[in-house]
Amino acid sequence: MTPMMPMGAGFFSLRNPCRAAVVLTGVRSNRFGDTSMHVTRVEGGVSRMRPLPRVVLRPGERADFRPGGRHLMLMAPDTTVAPGSKVRIDLLLGDGRRIPVDFDVRTAAP
């Protein structure tokens, strides 16, 4: 979470141990007014953030969400989102399943 603005970013790694492909189509949390997936890319020498509509993981593949690449945008947090706490974020799959994940809340790097 950023100390100056009501927003944060989410980082994690997701691995598909299944025999079939898995499609991550979005994220949701009742702790934030808006949640979405984004990717940062350098275009024409300029770093740009773009919406990420889905991530396909084939069997055995891993997707990393980290600074400077894929990440979650977590906008308009409720007042109880504070460093040291945890927030539940549901990963939404293309087949309708939800994977609940508890994320540790940390402050942004200075």
PDB file of N, CA and C in Angstrom:
ATOM      1  N   MET A   1       0.845  -1.175   0.000  1.00  0.00           N
ATOM      2  CA  MET A   1       0.000   0.000   0.000  1.00  0.00           C
ATOM      3  C   MET A   1       0.889   1.237   0.000  1.00  0.00           C
ATOM      4  N   THR A   2       0.470   2.231  -0.737  1.00  0.00           N
ATOM      5  CA  THR A   2       1.220   3.479  -0.767  1.00  0.00           C
ATOM      6  C   THR A   2       0.747   4.385   0.363  1.00  0.00           C
ATOM      7  N   PRO A   3       1.672   5.080   1.006  1.00  0.00           N
ATOM      8  CA  PRO A   3       1.267   5.922   2.138  1.00  0.00           C
ATOM      9  C   PRO A   3       0.557   7.206   1.724  1.00  0.00           C
ATOM     10  N   MET A   4       0.755   7.692   0.503  1.00  0.00           N
ATOM     11  CA  MET A   4       0.225   8.986   0.099  1.00  0.00           C
ATOM     12  C   MET A   4      -1.079   8.899  -0.701  1.00  0.00           C
ATOM     13  N   MET A   5      -1.331   7.778  -1.346  1.00  0.00           N
ATOM     14  CA  MET A   5      -2.508   7.662  -2.204  1.00  0.00           C
ATOM     15  C   MET A   5      -3.328   6.448  -1.782  1.00  0.00           C
ATOM     16  N   PRO A   6      -4.641   6.507  -1.985  1.00  0.00           N
ATOM     17  CA  PRO A   6      -5.482   5.365  -1.607  1.00  0.00           C
ATOM     18  C   PRO A   6      -5.437   4.244  -2.652  1.00  0.00           C
ATOM     19  N   MET A   7      -4.262   3.627  -2.778  1.00  0.00           N
ATOM     20  CA  MET A   7      -4.102   2.541  -3.741  1.00  0.00           C
ATOM     21  C   MET A   7      -2.934   1.650  -3.328  1.00  0.00           C
ATOM     22  N   GLY A   8      -2.900   0.503  -3.933  1.00  0.00           N
ATOM     23  CA  GLY A   8      -1.799  -0.411  -3.684  1.00  0.00           C
ATOM     24  C   GLY A   8      -1.610  -1.319  -4.878  1.00  0.00           C
ATOM     25  N   ALA A   9      -0.601  -2.152  -4.790  1.00  0.00           N
ATOM     26  CA  ALA A   9      -0.312  -3.134  -5.829  1.00  0.00           C
ATOM     27  C   ALA A   9      -0.169  -4.494  -5.165  1.00  0.00           C
ATOM     28  N   GLY A  10      -0.533  -5.530  -5.882  1.00  0.00           N
ATOM     29  CA  GLY A  10      -0.440  -6.888  -5.359  1.00  0.00           C
ATOM     30  C   GLY A  10       0.549  -7.698  -6.164  1.00  0.00           C
ATOM     31  N   PHE A  11       1.396  -8.445  -5.438  1.00  0.00           N
ATOM     32  CA  PHE A  11       2.427  -9.252  -6.075  1.00  0.00           C
ATOM     33  C   PHE A  11       2.357 -10.676  -5.544  1.00  0.00           C
ATOM     34  N   PHE A  12       2.531 -11.644  -6.428  1.00  0.00           N
ATOM     35  CA  PHE A  12       2.464 -13.054  -6.048  1.00  0.00           C
ATOM     36  C   PHE A  12       2.940 -13.904  -7.218  1.00  0.00           C
ATOM     37  N   SER A  13       3.104 -15.185  -6.973  1.00  0.00           N
ATOM     38  CA  SER A  13       3.394 -16.160  -8.026  1.00  0.00           C
ATOM     39  C   SER A  13       2.278 -17.197  -8.011  1.00  0.00           C
ATOM     40  N   LEU A  14       1.875 -17.611  -9.195  1.00  0.00           N
ATOM     41  CA  LEU A  14       0.803 -18.589  -9.341  1.00  0.00           C
ATOM     42  C   LEU A  14       1.300 -19.710 -10.244  1.00  0.00           C
ATOM     43  N   ARG A  15       1.155 -20.956  -9.772  1.00  0.00           N
ATOM     44  CA  ARG A  15       1.592 -22.109 -10.552  1.00  0.00           C
ATOM     45  C   ARG A  15       0.396 -23.000 -10.839  1.00  0.00           C
ATOM     46  N   ASN A  16       0.380 -23.562 -12.040  1.00  0.00           N
ATOM     47  CA  ASN A  16      -0.697 -24.465 -12.432  1.00  0.00           C
ATOM     48  C   ASN A  16      -0.203 -25.911 -12.366  1.00  0.00           C
ATOM     49  N   PRO A  17      -0.586 -26.662 -11.324  1.00  0.00           N
ATOM     50  CA  PRO A  17      -0.170 -28.057 -11.213  1.00  0.00           C
ATOM     51  C   PRO A  17      -1.133 -29.019 -11.924  1.00  0.00           C
ATOM     52  N   CYS A  18      -2.169 -28.478 -12.560  1.00  0.00           N
ATOM     53  CA  CYS A  18      -3.209 -29.302 -13.183  1.00  0.00           C
ATOM     54  C   CYS A  18      -2.759 -29.850 -14.542  1.00  0.00           C
ATOM     55  N   ARG A  19      -3.541 -30.779 -15.058  1.00  0.00           N
ATOM     56  CA  ARG A  19      -3.266 -31.366 -16.378  1.00  0.00           C
ATOM     57  C   ARG A  19      -3.845 -30.532 -17.516  1.00  0.00           C
ATOM     58  N   ALA A  20      -4.674 -29.577 -17.185  1.00  0.00           N
ATOM     59  CA  ALA A  20      -5.293 -28.703 -18.185  1.00  0.00           C
ATOM     60  C   ALA A  20      -4.888 -27.257 -17.927  1.00  0.00           C
ATOM     61  N   ALA A  21      -5.012 -26.437 -18.956  1.00  0.00           N
ATOM     62  CA  ALA A  21      -4.703 -25.012 -18.812  1.00  0.00           C
ATOM     63  C   ALA A  21      -5.692 -24.360 -17.845  1.00  0.00           C
ATOM     64  N   VAL A  22      -5.225 -23.324 -17.169  1.00  0.00           N
ATOM     65  CA  VAL A  22      -6.041 -22.534 -16.252  1.00  0.00           C
ATOM     66  C   VAL A  22      -5.949 -21.087 -16.725  1.00  0.00           C
ATOM     67  N   VAL A  23      -7.094 -20.397 -16.716  1.00  0.00           N
ATOM     68  CA  VAL A  23      -7.112 -18.999 -17.149  1.00  0.00           C
ATOM     69  C   VAL A  23      -7.512 -18.123 -15.971  1.00  0.00           C
ATOM     70  N   LEU A  24      -6.625 -17.207 -15.600  1.00  0.00           N
ATOM     71  CA  LEU A  24      -6.908 -16.211 -14.571  1.00  0.00           C
ATOM     72  C   LEU A  24      -7.552 -15.025 -15.278  1.00  0.00           C
ATOM     73  N   THR A  25      -8.814 -14.729 -14.925  1.00  0.00           N
ATOM     74  CA  THR A  25      -9.558 -13.686 -15.635  1.00  0.00           C
ATOM     75  C   THR A  25      -9.733 -12.399 -14.843  1.00  0.00           C
ATOM     76  N   GLY A  26      -9.370 -12.416 -13.570  1.00  0.00           N
ATOM     77  CA  GLY A  26      -9.512 -11.203 -12.778  1.00  0.00           C
ATOM     78  C   GLY A  26      -9.347 -11.471 -11.302  1.00  0.00           C
ATOM     79  N   VAL A  27      -9.572 -10.433 -10.509  1.00  0.00           N
ATOM     80  CA  VAL A  27      -9.462 -10.509  -9.052  1.00  0.00           C
ATOM     81  C   VAL A  27     -10.584  -9.692  -8.426  1.00  0.00           C
ATOM     82  N   ARG A  28     -10.952 -10.058  -7.192  1.00  0.00           N
ATOM     83  CA  ARG A  28     -11.974  -9.308  -6.445  1.00  0.00           C
ATOM     84  C   ARG A  28     -11.622  -9.312  -4.974  1.00  0.00           C
ATOM     85  N   SER A  29     -12.020  -8.241  -4.306  1.00  0.00           N
ATOM     86  CA  SER A  29     -11.862  -8.160  -2.856  1.00  0.00           C
ATOM     87  C   SER A  29     -12.893  -7.187  -2.310  1.00  0.00           C
ATOM     88  N   ASN A  30     -13.528  -7.575  -1.205  1.00  0.00           N
ATOM     89  CA  ASN A  30     -14.481  -6.650  -0.590  1.00  0.00           C
ATOM     90  C   ASN A  30     -13.768  -5.568   0.216  1.00  0.00           C
ATOM     91  N   ARG A  31     -12.450  -5.611   0.257  1.00  0.00           N
ATOM     92  CA  ARG A  31     -11.660  -4.616   0.996  1.00  0.00           C
ATOM     93  C   ARG A  31     -11.235  -3.428   0.126  1.00  0.00           C
ATOM     94  N   PHE A  32     -11.509  -3.530  -1.202  1.00  0.00           N
ATOM     95  CA  PHE A  32     -11.113  -2.469  -2.133  1.00  0.00           C
ATOM     96  C   PHE A  32     -12.293  -2.106  -3.029  1.00  0.00           C
ATOM     97  N   GLY A  33     -12.406  -0.822  -3.364  1.00  0.00           N
ATOM     98  CA  GLY A  33     -13.468  -0.375  -4.247  1.00  0.00           C
ATOM     99  C   GLY A  33     -13.282  -0.842  -5.675  1.00  0.00           C
ATOM    100  N   ASP A  34     -12.031  -1.064  -6.093  1.00  0.00           N
ATOM    101  CA  ASP A  34     -11.747  -1.504  -7.456  1.00  0.00           C
ATOM    102  C   ASP A  34     -10.488  -2.364  -7.437  1.00  0.00           C
ATOM    103  N   THR A  35     -10.544  -3.507  -8.083  1.00  0.00           N
ATOM    104  CA  THR A  35      -9.383  -4.389  -8.212  1.00  0.00           C
ATOM    105  C   THR A  35      -9.244  -4.786  -9.672  1.00  0.00           C
ATOM    106  N   SER A  36      -8.008  -4.860 -10.162  1.00  0.00           N
ATOM    107  CA  SER A  36      -7.788  -5.241 -11.555  1.00  0.00           C
ATOM    108  C   SER A  36      -6.368  -5.769 -11.734  1.00  0.00           C
ATOM    109  N   MET A  37      -6.162  -6.407 -12.872  1.00  0.00           N
ATOM    110  CA  MET A  37      -4.828  -6.903 -13.231  1.00  0.00           C
ATOM    111  C   MET A  37      -4.245  -5.969 -14.286  1.00  0.00           C
ATOM    112  N   HIS A  38      -2.958  -5.685 -14.156  1.00  0.00           N
ATOM    113  CA  HIS A  38      -2.259  -4.820 -15.108  1.00  0.00           C
ATOM    114  C   HIS A  38      -0.888  -5.407 -15.438  1.00  0.00           C
ATOM    115  N   VAL A  39      -0.308  -4.890 -16.506  1.00  0.00           N
ATOM    116  CA  VAL A  39       1.060  -5.246 -16.864  1.00  0.00           C
ATOM    117  C   VAL A  39       1.785  -3.951 -17.227  1.00  0.00           C
ATOM    118  N   THR A  40       3.030  -3.848 -16.807  1.00  0.00           N
ATOM    119  CA  THR A  40       3.866  -2.706 -17.152  1.00  0.00           C
ATOM    120  C   THR A  40       4.824  -3.148 -18.250  1.00  0.00           C
ATOM    121  N   ARG A  41       4.881  -2.367 -19.322  1.00  0.00           N
ATOM    122  CA  ARG A  41       5.774  -2.653 -20.441  1.00  0.00           C
ATOM    123  C   ARG A  41       6.452  -1.366 -20.869  1.00  0.00           C
ATOM    124  N   VAL A  42       7.653  -1.500 -21.412  1.00  0.00           N
ATOM    125  CA  VAL A  42       8.355  -0.351 -21.973  1.00  0.00           C
ATOM    126  C   VAL A  42       7.985  -0.270 -23.449  1.00  0.00           C
ATOM    127  N   GLU A  43       7.375   0.852 -23.830  1.00  0.00           N
ATOM    128  CA  GLU A  43       6.957   1.088 -25.209  1.00  0.00           C
ATOM    129  C   GLU A  43       7.572   2.393 -25.679  1.00  0.00           C
ATOM    130  N   GLY A  44       8.431   2.316 -26.696  1.00  0.00           N
ATOM    131  CA  GLY A  44       9.082   3.522 -27.202  1.00  0.00           C
ATOM    132  C   GLY A  44       9.941   4.198 -26.155  1.00  0.00           C
ATOM    133  N   GLY A  45      10.546   3.407 -25.276  1.00  0.00           N
ATOM    134  CA  GLY A  45      11.405   3.948 -24.238  1.00  0.00           C
ATOM    135  C   GLY A  45      10.676   4.481 -23.024  1.00  0.00           C
ATOM    136  N   VAL A  46       9.346   4.348 -22.999  1.00  0.00           N
ATOM    137  CA  VAL A  46       8.540   4.849 -21.896  1.00  0.00           C
ATOM    138  C   VAL A  46       7.822   3.676 -21.224  1.00  0.00           C
ATOM    139  N   SER A  47       7.874   3.626 -19.907  1.00  0.00           N
ATOM    140  CA  SER A  47       7.181   2.586 -19.149  1.00  0.00           C
ATOM    141  C   SER A  47       5.694   2.912 -19.098  1.00  0.00           C
ATOM    142  N   ARG A  48       4.863   1.954 -19.558  1.00  0.00           N
ATOM    143  CA  ARG A  48       3.417   2.167 -19.589  1.00  0.00           C
ATOM    144  C   ARG A  48       2.699   1.000 -18.918  1.00  0.00           C
ATOM    145  N   MET A  49       1.652   1.330 -18.187  1.00  0.00           N
ATOM    146  CA  MET A  49       0.844   0.323 -17.522  1.00  0.00           C
ATOM    147  C   MET A  49      -0.432   0.119 -18.337  1.00  0.00           C
ATOM    148  N   ARG A  50      -0.753  -1.144 -18.610  1.00  0.00           N
ATOM    149  CA  ARG A  50      -1.922  -1.491 -19.408  1.00  0.00           C
ATOM    150  C   ARG A  50      -2.772  -2.526 -18.671  1.00  0.00           C
ATOM    151  N   PRO A  51      -4.106  -2.496 -18.858  1.00  0.00           N
ATOM    152  CA  PRO A  51      -4.950  -3.542 -18.281  1.00  0.00           C
ATOM    153  C   PRO A  51      -4.558  -4.912 -18.831  1.00  0.00           C
ATOM    154  N   LEU A  52      -4.681  -5.912 -17.997  1.00  0.00           N
ATOM    155  CA  LEU A  52      -4.356  -7.287 -18.365  1.00  0.00           C
ATOM    156  C   LEU A  52      -5.654  -8.085 -18.250  1.00  0.00           C
ATOM    157  N   PRO A  53      -6.292  -8.424 -19.382  1.00  0.00           N
ATOM    158  CA  PRO A  53      -7.606  -9.067 -19.319  1.00  0.00           C
ATOM    159  C   PRO A  53      -7.584 -10.511 -18.831  1.00  0.00           C
ATOM    160  N   ARG A  54      -6.470 -11.219 -19.043  1.00  0.00           N
ATOM    161  CA  ARG A  54      -6.381 -12.613 -18.594  1.00  0.00           C
ATOM    162  C   ARG A  54      -4.942 -13.087 -18.660  1.00  0.00           C
ATOM    163  N   VAL A  55      -4.701 -14.152 -17.911  1.00  0.00           N
ATOM    164  CA  VAL A  55      -3.397 -14.813 -17.926  1.00  0.00           C
ATOM    165  C   VAL A  55      -3.673 -16.305 -18.087  1.00  0.00           C
ATOM    166  N   VAL A  56      -3.114 -16.902 -19.132  1.00  0.00           N
ATOM    167  CA  VAL A  56      -3.287 -18.327 -19.390  1.00  0.00           C
ATOM    168  C   VAL A  56      -2.065 -19.062 -18.851  1.00  0.00           C
ATOM    169  N   LEU A  57      -2.319 -20.050 -18.006  1.00  0.00           N
ATOM    170  CA  LEU A  57      -1.244 -20.895 -17.481  1.00  0.00           C
ATOM    171  C   LEU A  57      -1.461 -22.314 -17.991  1.00  0.00           C
ATOM    172  N   ARG A  58      -0.550 -22.777 -18.807  1.00  0.00           N
ATOM    173  CA  ARG A  58      -0.614 -24.151 -19.286  1.00  0.00           C
ATOM    174  C   ARG A  58      -0.154 -25.078 -18.164  1.00  0.00           C
ATOM    175  N   PRO A  59      -0.410 -26.375 -18.283  1.00  0.00           N
ATOM    176  CA  PRO A  59       0.012 -27.309 -17.229  1.00  0.00           C
ATOM    177  C   PRO A  59       1.489 -27.132 -16.868  1.00  0.00           C
ATOM    178  N   GLY A  60       1.752 -26.990 -15.569  1.00  0.00           N
ATOM    179  CA  GLY A  60       3.117 -26.836 -15.070  1.00  0.00           C
ATOM    180  C   GLY A  60       3.684 -25.430 -15.159  1.00  0.00           C
ATOM    181  N   GLU A  61       3.002 -24.497 -15.809  1.00  0.00           N
ATOM    182  CA  GLU A  61       3.518 -23.137 -15.946  1.00  0.00           C
ATOM    183  C   GLU A  61       3.301 -22.321 -14.678  1.00  0.00           C
ATOM    184  N   ARG A  62       4.089 -21.263 -14.580  1.00  0.00           N
ATOM    185  CA  ARG A  62       4.022 -20.334 -13.456  1.00  0.00           C
ATOM    186  C   ARG A  62       3.922 -18.916 -13.998  1.00  0.00           C
ATOM    187  N   ALA A  63       3.113 -18.089 -13.348  1.00  0.00           N
ATOM    188  CA  ALA A  63       2.999 -16.672 -13.685  1.00  0.00           C
ATOM    189  C   ALA A  63       3.406 -15.864 -12.471  1.00  0.00           C
ATOM    190  N   ASP A  64       4.346 -14.965 -12.670  1.00  0.00           N
ATOM    191  CA  ASP A  64       4.806 -14.097 -11.595  1.00  0.00           C
ATOM    192  C   ASP A  64       4.184 -12.712 -11.756  1.00  0.00           C
ATOM    193  N   PHE A  65       3.653 -12.199 -10.670  1.00  0.00           N
ATOM    194  CA  PHE A  65       3.145 -10.835 -10.592  1.00  0.00           C
ATOM    195  C   PHE A  65       4.124 -10.102  -9.697  1.00  0.00           C
ATOM    196  N   ARG A  66       4.909  -9.193 -10.291  1.00  0.00           N
ATOM    197  CA  ARG A  66       5.964  -8.512  -9.540  1.00  0.00           C
ATOM    198  C   ARG A  66       6.146  -7.088 -10.047  1.00  0.00           C
ATOM    199  N   PRO A  67       6.847  -6.250  -9.284  1.00  0.00           N
ATOM    200  CA  PRO A  67       7.070  -4.874  -9.727  1.00  0.00           C
ATOM    201  C   PRO A  67       7.728  -4.839 -11.107  1.00  0.00           C
ATOM    202  N   GLY A  68       7.240  -3.938 -11.958  1.00  0.00           N
ATOM    203  CA  GLY A  68       7.797  -3.778 -13.292  1.00  0.00           C
ATOM    204  C   GLY A  68       7.226  -4.743 -14.322  1.00  0.00           C
ATOM    205  N   GLY A  69       6.253  -5.560 -13.942  1.00  0.00           N
ATOM    206  CA  GLY A  69       5.639  -6.524 -14.858  1.00  0.00           C
ATOM    207  C   GLY A  69       4.166  -6.653 -14.557  1.00  0.00           C
ATOM    208  N   ARG A  70       3.674  -7.887 -14.520  1.00  0.00           N
ATOM    209  CA  ARG A  70       2.277  -8.124 -14.143  1.00  0.00           C
ATOM    210  C   ARG A  70       2.097  -7.785 -12.670  1.00  0.00           C
ATOM    211  N   HIS A  71       0.950  -7.195 -12.334  1.00  0.00           N
ATOM    212  CA  HIS A  71       0.648  -6.858 -10.951  1.00  0.00           C
ATOM    213  C   HIS A  71      -0.840  -6.608 -10.793  1.00  0.00           C
ATOM    214  N   LEU A  72      -1.301  -6.605  -9.564  1.00  0.00           N
ATOM    215  CA  LEU A  72      -2.676  -6.244  -9.259  1.00  0.00           C
ATOM    216  C   LEU A  72      -2.715  -4.772  -8.894  1.00  0.00           C
ATOM    217  N   MET A  73      -3.760  -4.088  -9.329  1.00  0.00           N
ATOM    218  CA  MET A  73      -4.015  -2.724  -8.890  1.00  0.00           C
ATOM    219  C   MET A  73      -5.159  -2.807  -7.885  1.00  0.00           C
ATOM    220  N   LEU A  74      -4.946  -2.229  -6.711  1.00  0.00           N
ATOM    221  CA  LEU A  74      -5.898  -2.292  -5.603  1.00  0.00           C
ATOM    222  C   LEU A  74      -6.256  -0.861  -5.217  1.00  0.00           C
ATOM    223  N   MET A  75      -7.417  -0.415  -5.684  1.00  0.00           N
ATOM    224  CA  MET A  75      -7.811   0.985  -5.527  1.00  0.00           C
ATOM    225  C   MET A  75      -8.888   1.141  -4.457  1.00  0.00           C
ATOM    226  N   ALA A  76      -8.896   2.297  -3.816  1.00  0.00           N
ATOM    227  CA  ALA A  76      -9.916   2.684  -2.832  1.00  0.00           C
ATOM    228  C   ALA A  76     -10.058   1.646  -1.717  1.00  0.00           C
ATOM    229  N   PRO A  77      -8.989   1.432  -0.925  1.00  0.00           N
ATOM    230  CA  PRO A  77      -9.078   0.456   0.170  1.00  0.00           C
ATOM    231  C   PRO A  77     -10.012   0.937   1.270  1.00  0.00           C
ATOM    232  N   ASP A  78     -10.566  -0.048   2.012  1.00  0.00           N
ATOM    233  CA  ASP A  78     -11.361   0.357   3.171  1.00  0.00           C
ATOM    234  C   ASP A  78     -10.398   0.834   4.264  1.00  0.00           C
ATOM    235  N   THR A  79     -10.929   1.408   5.296  1.00  0.00           N
ATOM    236  CA  THR A  79     -10.085   2.053   6.308  1.00  0.00           C
ATOM    237  C   THR A  79      -9.284   1.076   7.156  1.00  0.00           C
ATOM    238  N   THR A  80      -9.602  -0.215   7.090  1.00  0.00           N
ATOM    239  CA  THR A  80      -8.884  -1.176   7.926  1.00  0.00           C
ATOM    240  C   THR A  80      -7.678  -1.802   7.227  1.00  0.00           C
ATOM    241  N   VAL A  81      -7.409  -1.422   5.976  1.00  0.00           N
ATOM    242  CA  VAL A  81      -6.236  -1.949   5.274  1.00  0.00           C
ATOM    243  C   VAL A  81      -5.022  -1.159   5.754  1.00  0.00           C
ATOM    244  N   ALA A  82      -4.190  -1.810   6.557  1.00  0.00           N
ATOM    245  CA  ALA A  82      -3.027  -1.137   7.139  1.00  0.00           C
ATOM    246  C   ALA A  82      -1.835  -2.086   7.118  1.00  0.00           C
ATOM    247  N   PRO A  83      -0.629  -1.537   7.027  1.00  0.00           N
ATOM    248  CA  PRO A  83       0.567  -2.389   7.072  1.00  0.00           C
ATOM    249  C   PRO A  83       0.534  -3.309   8.289  1.00  0.00           C
ATOM    250  N   GLY A  84       0.919  -4.556   8.057  1.00  0.00           N
ATOM    251  CA  GLY A  84       0.911  -5.545   9.120  1.00  0.00           C
ATOM    252  C   GLY A  84      -0.354  -6.384   9.153  1.00  0.00           C
ATOM    253  N   SER A  85      -1.387  -5.941   8.435  1.00  0.00           N
ATOM    254  CA  SER A  85      -2.627  -6.715   8.383  1.00  0.00           C
ATOM    255  C   SER A  85      -2.616  -7.630   7.158  1.00  0.00           C
ATOM    256  N   LYS A  86      -3.682  -8.366   6.988  1.00  0.00           N
ATOM    257  CA  LYS A  86      -3.853  -9.230   5.822  1.00  0.00           C
ATOM    258  C   LYS A  86      -5.146  -8.844   5.121  1.00  0.00           C
ATOM    259  N   VAL A  87      -5.181  -9.036   3.796  1.00  0.00           N
ATOM    260  CA  VAL A  87      -6.408  -8.819   3.036  1.00  0.00           C
ATOM    261  C   VAL A  87      -6.676 -10.046   2.169  1.00  0.00           C
ATOM    262  N   ARG A  88      -7.941 -10.405   2.093  1.00  0.00           N
ATOM    263  CA  ARG A  88      -8.367 -11.520   1.248  1.00  0.00           C
ATOM    264  C   ARG A  88      -8.642 -10.986  -0.150  1.00  0.00           C
ATOM    265  N   ILE A  89      -8.025 -11.608  -1.141  1.00  0.00           N
ATOM    266  CA  ILE A  89      -8.276 -11.295  -2.541  1.00  0.00           C
ATOM    267  C   ILE A  89      -8.598 -12.612  -3.232  1.00  0.00           C
ATOM    268  N   ASP A  90      -9.708 -12.637  -3.957  1.00  0.00           N
ATOM    269  CA  ASP A  90     -10.095 -13.829  -4.705  1.00  0.00           C
ATOM    270  C   ASP A  90      -9.535 -13.743  -6.112  1.00  0.00           C
ATOM    271  N   LEU A  91      -8.818 -14.799  -6.523  1.00  0.00           N
ATOM    272  CA  LEU A  91      -8.370 -14.923  -7.905  1.00  0.00           C
ATOM    273  C   LEU A  91      -9.507 -15.592  -8.664  1.00  0.00           C
ATOM    274  N   LEU A  92      -9.944 -14.986  -9.763  1.00  0.00           N
ATOM    275  CA  LEU A  92     -11.087 -15.478 -10.530  1.00  0.00           C
ATOM    276  C   LEU A  92     -10.605 -16.254 -11.734  1.00  0.00           C
ATOM    277  N   LEU A  93     -11.087 -17.487 -11.883  1.00  0.00           N
ATOM    278  CA  LEU A  93     -10.677 -18.337 -12.995  1.00  0.00           C
ATOM    279  C   LEU A  93     -11.757 -18.359 -14.072  1.00  0.00           C
ATOM    280  N   GLY A  94     -11.343 -18.642 -15.283  1.00  0.00           N
ATOM    281  CA  GLY A  94     -12.246 -18.646 -16.426  1.00  0.00           C
ATOM    282  C   GLY A  94     -13.371 -19.650 -16.321  1.00  0.00           C
ATOM    283  N   ASP A  95     -13.193 -20.707 -15.532  1.00  0.00           N
ATOM    284  CA  ASP A  95     -14.247 -21.718 -15.386  1.00  0.00           C
ATOM    285  C   ASP A  95     -15.218 -21.398 -14.249  1.00  0.00           C
ATOM    286  N   GLY A  96     -15.098 -20.194 -13.676  1.00  0.00           N
ATOM    287  CA  GLY A  96     -16.014 -19.774 -12.621  1.00  0.00           C
ATOM    288  C   GLY A  96     -15.507 -19.995 -11.205  1.00  0.00           C
ATOM    289  N   ARG A  97     -14.406 -20.730 -11.050  1.00  0.00           N
ATOM    290  CA  ARG A  97     -13.872 -20.944  -9.701  1.00  0.00           C
ATOM    291  C   ARG A  97     -13.210 -19.676  -9.174  1.00  0.00           C
ATOM    292  N   ARG A  98     -13.160 -19.593  -7.844  1.00  0.00           N
ATOM    293  CA  ARG A  98     -12.461 -18.505  -7.134  1.00  0.00           C
ATOM    294  C   ARG A  98     -11.433 -19.138  -6.220  1.00  0.00           C
ATOM    295  N   ILE A  99     -10.238 -18.581  -6.209  1.00  0.00           N
ATOM    296  CA  ILE A  99      -9.198 -19.045  -5.300  1.00  0.00           C
ATOM    297  C   ILE A  99      -8.961 -17.935  -4.284  1.00  0.00           C
ATOM    298  N   PRO A 100      -9.376 -18.120  -3.023  1.00  0.00           N
ATOM    299  CA  PRO A 100      -9.148 -17.082  -2.015  1.00  0.00           C
ATOM    300  C   PRO A 100      -7.690 -17.091  -1.560  1.00  0.00           C
ATOM    301  N   VAL A 101      -7.078 -15.911  -1.535  1.00  0.00           N
ATOM    302  CA  VAL A 101      -5.677 -15.768  -1.124  1.00  0.00           C
ATOM    303  C   VAL A 101      -5.590 -14.655  -0.094  1.00  0.00           C
ATOM    304  N   ASP A 102      -4.904 -14.910   1.020  1.00  0.00           N
ATOM    305  CA  ASP A 102      -4.665 -13.877   2.024  1.00  0.00           C
ATOM    306  C   ASP A 102      -3.305 -13.242   1.762  1.00  0.00           C
ATOM    307  N   PHE A 103      -3.317 -11.957   1.435  1.00  0.00           N
ATOM    308  CA  PHE A 103      -2.100 -11.206   1.141  1.00  0.00           C
ATOM    309  C   PHE A 103      -1.668 -10.439   2.385  1.00  0.00           C
ATOM    310  N   ASP A 104      -0.373 -10.399   2.635  1.00  0.00           N
ATOM    311  CA  ASP A 104       0.195  -9.555   3.693  1.00  0.00           C
ATOM    312  C   ASP A 104       0.223  -8.119   3.168  1.00  0.00           C
ATOM    313  N   VAL A 105      -0.192  -7.162   4.008  1.00  0.00           N
ATOM    314  CA  VAL A 105      -0.156  -5.751   3.637  1.00  0.00           C
ATOM    315  C   VAL A 105       1.168  -5.160   4.099  1.00  0.00           C
ATOM    316  N   ARG A 106       1.862  -4.571   3.161  1.00  0.00           N
ATOM    317  CA  ARG A 106       3.160  -3.925   3.432  1.00  0.00           C
ATOM    318  C   ARG A 106       3.141  -2.516   2.876  1.00  0.00           C
ATOM    319  N   THR A 107       4.031  -1.680   3.354  1.00  0.00           N
ATOM    320  CA  THR A 107       4.145  -0.328   2.819  1.00  0.00           C
ATOM    321  C   THR A 107       4.999  -0.360   1.557  1.00  0.00           C
ATOM    322  N   ALA A 108       4.834   0.659   0.733  1.00  0.00           N
ATOM    323  CA  ALA A 108       5.654   0.790  -0.473  1.00  0.00           C
ATOM    324  C   ALA A 108       7.086   1.109  -0.072  1.00  0.00           C
ATOM    325  N   ALA A 109       8.011   0.773  -0.947  1.00  0.00           N
ATOM    326  CA  ALA A 109       9.418   1.111  -0.706  1.00  0.00           C
ATOM    327  C   ALA A 109       9.574   2.625  -0.695  1.00  0.00           C
ATOM    328  N   PRO A 110      10.473   3.142   0.156  1.00  0.00           N
ATOM    329  CA  PRO A 110      10.645   4.609   0.211  1.00  0.00           C
ATOM    330  C   PRO A 110      11.221   5.175  -1.068  1.00  0.00           C
TER     331      PRO A 110
END
